């Protein structure tokens, strides 16, 4: 996908844009975001595999359904 020269250009551009002191902070934030994303995926997969016993059918909206009244015919 990317060769050595392309990665070198990306690194130089990142260094120019963010500065040398900001790159470690940026890398740390990206790493923690990736860790949270993977954790969320794992939790979602667990929820999908183990159905909850407290799952209940949807409750009614509180308004009664329209009732048909007998016609006077």
N, C-alpha and C. Protein backbone atom coordinates (compact mmCIF):
# COMPACT_ATOMS: atom_id res chain seq x y z
N UNK A 1 0.83 -1.18 0.00
CA UNK A 1 0.00 0.00 0.00
C UNK A 1 0.88 1.25 0.00
N UNK A 2 1.61 1.47 1.07
CA UNK A 2 2.53 2.60 1.14
C UNK A 2 3.95 2.06 1.23
N UNK A 3 4.85 2.70 0.51
CA UNK A 3 6.26 2.31 0.56
C UNK A 3 6.98 3.17 1.58
N UNK A 4 8.29 3.01 1.65
CA UNK A 4 9.10 3.77 2.60
C UNK A 4 9.09 5.26 2.35
N UNK A 5 9.15 5.66 1.08
CA UNK A 5 9.17 7.09 0.77
C UNK A 5 7.87 7.78 1.16
N UNK A 6 6.74 7.10 0.95
CA UNK A 6 5.45 7.69 1.30
C UNK A 6 5.33 7.90 2.81
N UNK A 7 5.78 6.91 3.59
CA UNK A 7 5.71 7.05 5.06
C UNK A 7 6.62 8.18 5.54
N UNK A 8 7.75 8.35 4.89
CA UNK A 8 8.66 9.43 5.25
C UNK A 8 8.00 10.79 4.98
N UNK A 9 7.33 10.92 3.86
CA UNK A 9 6.64 12.17 3.55
C UNK A 9 5.51 12.43 4.55
N UNK A 10 4.75 11.41 4.90
CA UNK A 10 3.67 11.56 5.88
C UNK A 10 4.24 11.99 7.23
N UNK A 11 5.36 11.40 7.63
CA UNK A 11 5.97 11.76 8.91
C UNK A 11 6.45 13.21 8.92
N UNK A 12 7.04 13.65 7.83
CA UNK A 12 7.51 15.04 7.76
C UNK A 12 6.34 16.01 7.79
N UNK A 13 5.28 15.70 7.07
CA UNK A 13 4.10 16.58 7.07
C UNK A 13 3.48 16.63 8.46
N UNK A 14 3.38 15.49 9.14
CA UNK A 14 2.83 15.47 10.49
C UNK A 14 3.71 16.27 11.44
N UNK A 15 5.01 16.17 11.29
CA UNK A 15 5.93 16.93 12.13
C UNK A 15 5.76 18.42 11.91
N UNK A 16 5.59 18.82 10.67
CA UNK A 16 5.42 20.24 10.36
C UNK A 16 4.07 20.74 10.88
N UNK A 17 3.01 19.96 10.68
CA UNK A 17 1.68 20.40 11.09
C UNK A 17 1.50 20.45 12.60
N UNK A 18 1.94 19.42 13.28
CA UNK A 18 1.66 19.30 14.71
C UNK A 18 2.82 19.71 15.60
N UNK A 19 4.01 19.76 15.10
CA UNK A 19 5.16 20.10 15.92
C UNK A 19 5.66 18.88 16.67
N UNK A 20 6.91 18.93 17.04
CA UNK A 20 7.54 17.79 17.71
C UNK A 20 6.97 17.48 19.07
N UNK A 21 6.55 18.50 19.81
CA UNK A 21 6.06 18.25 21.17
C UNK A 21 4.64 17.71 21.17
N UNK A 22 3.89 17.92 20.12
CA UNK A 22 2.50 17.47 20.08
C UNK A 22 2.35 16.04 19.56
N UNK A 23 3.32 15.53 18.85
CA UNK A 23 3.20 14.19 18.28
C UNK A 23 3.04 13.09 19.32
N UNK A 24 3.78 13.09 20.44
CA UNK A 24 3.56 12.04 21.44
C UNK A 24 2.16 12.10 22.04
N UNK A 25 1.64 13.31 22.26
CA UNK A 25 0.29 13.45 22.80
C UNK A 25 -0.74 12.92 21.79
N UNK A 26 -0.52 13.24 20.53
CA UNK A 26 -1.42 12.78 19.48
C UNK A 26 -1.40 11.26 19.39
N UNK A 27 -0.24 10.66 19.45
CA UNK A 27 -0.11 9.20 19.39
C UNK A 27 -0.78 8.54 20.59
N UNK A 28 -0.63 9.14 21.77
CA UNK A 28 -1.25 8.60 22.98
C UNK A 28 -2.77 8.64 22.86
N UNK A 29 -3.31 9.76 22.38
CA UNK A 29 -4.76 9.89 22.23
C UNK A 29 -5.30 8.91 21.19
N UNK A 30 -4.57 8.74 20.11
CA UNK A 30 -5.00 7.77 19.09
C UNK A 30 -4.99 6.35 19.64
N UNK A 31 -3.99 6.02 20.44
CA UNK A 31 -3.91 4.69 21.04
C UNK A 31 -5.04 4.44 22.01
N UNK A 32 -5.36 5.43 22.84
CA UNK A 32 -6.46 5.25 23.80
C UNK A 32 -7.80 5.18 23.08
N UNK A 33 -7.96 5.93 22.01
CA UNK A 33 -9.20 5.87 21.24
C UNK A 33 -9.36 4.49 20.59
N UNK A 34 -8.26 3.93 20.09
CA UNK A 34 -8.31 2.61 19.48
C UNK A 34 -8.66 1.56 20.54
N UNK A 35 -8.10 1.70 21.72
CA UNK A 35 -8.37 0.75 22.81
C UNK A 35 -9.85 0.81 23.21
N UNK A 36 -10.40 2.02 23.33
CA UNK A 36 -11.82 2.16 23.67
C UNK A 36 -12.71 1.58 22.58
N UNK A 37 -12.34 1.79 21.32
CA UNK A 37 -13.12 1.28 20.21
C UNK A 37 -13.16 -0.24 20.24
N UNK A 38 -12.01 -0.87 20.46
CA UNK A 38 -11.96 -2.33 20.52
C UNK A 38 -12.75 -2.86 21.72
N UNK A 39 -12.69 -2.14 22.84
CA UNK A 39 -13.45 -2.54 24.03
C UNK A 39 -14.95 -2.47 23.74
N UNK A 40 -15.37 -1.41 23.07
CA UNK A 40 -16.78 -1.27 22.71
C UNK A 40 -17.24 -2.36 21.76
N UNK A 41 -16.39 -2.73 20.81
CA UNK A 41 -16.74 -3.82 19.90
C UNK A 41 -16.89 -5.13 20.66
N UNK A 42 -15.99 -5.37 21.60
CA UNK A 42 -16.06 -6.61 22.38
C UNK A 42 -17.31 -6.64 23.24
N UNK A 43 -17.67 -5.50 23.85
CA UNK A 43 -18.88 -5.45 24.67
C UNK A 43 -20.12 -5.66 23.82
N UNK A 44 -20.13 -5.08 22.64
CA UNK A 44 -21.26 -5.26 21.74
C UNK A 44 -21.40 -6.70 21.30
N UNK A 45 -20.28 -7.35 21.08
CA UNK A 45 -20.31 -8.75 20.67
C UNK A 45 -20.81 -9.62 21.81
N UNK A 46 -20.41 -9.30 23.04
CA UNK A 46 -20.89 -10.05 24.21
C UNK A 46 -22.39 -9.89 24.37
N UNK A 47 -22.89 -8.67 24.21
CA UNK A 47 -24.32 -8.42 24.34
C UNK A 47 -25.10 -9.17 23.27
N UNK A 48 -24.52 -9.27 22.10
CA UNK A 48 -25.18 -9.95 21.00
C UNK A 48 -25.24 -11.45 21.24
N UNK A 49 -24.20 -12.01 21.85
CA UNK A 49 -24.12 -13.46 22.06
C UNK A 49 -24.97 -13.91 23.25
N UNK A 50 -25.08 -13.11 24.30
CA UNK A 50 -25.82 -13.50 25.49
C UNK A 50 -27.08 -12.65 25.58
N UNK A 51 -28.23 -13.20 25.15
CA UNK A 51 -29.47 -12.42 25.24
C UNK A 51 -29.86 -12.22 26.70
N UNK A 52 -30.35 -11.06 27.00
CA UNK A 52 -30.71 -10.71 28.37
C UNK A 52 -32.05 -11.34 28.74
N UNK A 53 -32.15 -11.82 29.99
CA UNK A 53 -33.39 -12.41 30.47
C UNK A 53 -34.43 -11.34 30.76
N UNK A 54 -34.00 -10.11 30.91
CA UNK A 54 -34.93 -9.04 31.25
C UNK A 54 -35.54 -8.40 30.02
N UNK A 55 -35.33 -9.01 28.86
CA UNK A 55 -35.92 -8.46 27.65
C UNK A 55 -37.43 -8.66 27.71
N UNK A 56 -38.15 -7.58 27.57
CA UNK A 56 -39.60 -7.63 27.63
C UNK A 56 -40.17 -7.13 26.32
N UNK A 57 -41.38 -7.54 26.01
CA UNK A 57 -41.98 -7.02 24.78
C UNK A 57 -42.23 -5.53 24.92
N UNK A 58 -42.31 -4.83 23.82
CA UNK A 58 -42.49 -3.38 23.90
C UNK A 58 -43.80 -3.04 24.59
N UNK A 59 -43.76 -2.05 25.43
CA UNK A 59 -44.94 -1.62 26.17
C UNK A 59 -45.85 -0.83 25.25
N UNK A 60 -47.13 -0.82 25.58
CA UNK A 60 -48.07 -0.05 24.77
C UNK A 60 -47.81 1.44 24.98
N UNK A 61 -48.29 2.22 24.05
CA UNK A 61 -48.01 3.66 24.09
C UNK A 61 -48.86 4.39 25.12
N UNK A 62 -49.76 3.69 25.79
CA UNK A 62 -50.56 4.33 26.81
C UNK A 62 -51.92 4.77 26.29
N UNK A 63 -52.07 4.84 25.00
CA UNK A 63 -53.37 5.21 24.43
C UNK A 63 -54.05 3.95 23.95
N UNK A 64 -55.32 3.81 24.27
CA UNK A 64 -56.02 2.59 23.85
C UNK A 64 -56.20 2.58 22.34
N UNK A 65 -56.28 1.39 21.81
CA UNK A 65 -56.46 1.25 20.37
C UNK A 65 -57.86 1.71 20.00
N UNK A 66 -58.00 2.14 18.79
CA UNK A 66 -59.31 2.61 18.34
C UNK A 66 -60.29 1.45 18.37
N UNK A 67 -61.40 1.67 19.05
CA UNK A 67 -62.42 0.62 19.15
C UNK A 67 -63.53 0.91 18.15
N UNK A 68 -63.99 -0.15 17.56
CA UNK A 68 -65.08 0.02 16.61
C UNK A 68 -66.38 -0.01 17.40
N UNK A 69 -67.25 0.91 17.09
CA UNK A 69 -68.55 0.96 17.73
C UNK A 69 -69.59 0.36 16.78
N UNK A 70 -70.53 -0.36 17.30
CA UNK A 70 -71.55 -0.94 16.43
C UNK A 70 -72.36 0.18 15.77
N UNK A 71 -72.68 -0.03 14.53
CA UNK A 71 -73.48 0.98 13.83
C UNK A 71 -74.95 0.78 14.12
N UNK A 72 -75.70 1.80 13.95
CA UNK A 72 -77.14 1.74 14.24
C UNK A 72 -77.94 1.21 13.05
N UNK A 73 -77.33 0.70 12.04
CA UNK A 73 -78.05 0.22 10.86
C UNK A 73 -78.80 -1.00 11.15
